[in-house]
Amino acid sequence: MKKFLVYALLVLPIVGFAQDDLLDELEAGVTANTEVKAAFKGLKVVNFESTKLGGAKELYLVVSHRFGTVKNGIDDFFGLDNAVTQIKFIYGVNEWLNLGVARSSLQKKYGVHAKYRLVHQQREGFPFAIVGYNLITVNTALDEDLFPNLEFSDRLTYTSQVLVSRKFSEDFSLLLAPTFVHENLATRSFEIQEDGETLVFDEDNNQFAVGIGGRYKLTKRWSINMDYGIHLNRNDNSNFKNPLSIGVDLETGGHVFQMHFTNAQAMFEEGFIIQGQGDWGDGDFFFGFNLSRVF
């Protein structure tokens, strides 16, 4: 009996500590489970970045196409003869940081970006997910004959965004994307007068915009997506339009396939925000898709 009492006195504290450790682990698990997941299934809503990040140690290959304008009809097969392609690689450094490199055939642009999670949306806590996004692009198509004093720095454009999303339900999510773009060589618009004279209008080097996007889940695999960019200080004489994009997402195992129509053919942020050339009212828009694959 004495031996049993001694054994009990020795074992009970250990059991108590073990129970405390187990409770701590369970509490930690409950805290982790309060994070709201999958506000968006794709890394992009349509054109604008979503608050989704690639997983740690995962490599994403993203292939994007924007075909030519559909308004020319069968002459160029509704734009399919005039495709613009972007290829992008994204690596999940850890659970909160993605790094990416990309190349677009439009203006032969190259880009590098960082995307990083700042805050998770919580079920009974902070109501939004917040992600930062920074992009640097190089326009290698600028012609030194047209710009005789061109320097390498003139080819550079910098974009910074704060991506704020909220998943309101299992089916419905919204995104807000305040955006700052700095162009070392500002976007230029042209206006031809009746007498043949050409007027030139340059944008400010510093551009401000707000992106608005949303996703509504139709079925387990399908959703309808839309985003719109409001350029806040566009030149009144600009030839360009705010980008409006509408499409669908199809989730198929290891990849998300996004099909859409947009009035902006460019795929880097400064391109579709500042230089959206199509006009929906004139039937001047483009068919496109984003295809992402995880390795």
Foldseek 3Di string as FASTA:
>chain_A
DVVVVVVCVVVVVVVVVVVVVVVVVVVVVVQVVQFDDPQDPDCPLAQHGALDDDAAAKKKKKKKKWFFFQLVPPPCPSRNVRIKIKIKIWHHNHHFKIWMWMFIPVLRKIKIKMKGWDDTDGNPDRFKTKMKMKMKMFRPNDDCVVVVVDDRLQRIKIKIWIWIKGRPDPFKIKIKIKMKMAHSNFDKAWDQDPVRDIDIDTFHRIWIKMKIKMWGDDDPFKIKIKMWIGTDRADPPHQADTKIKIWMWGDDPFKIKIKIKMQFRDRPPCRRGHPRRGDVVSSTIIIMMMMMGMD
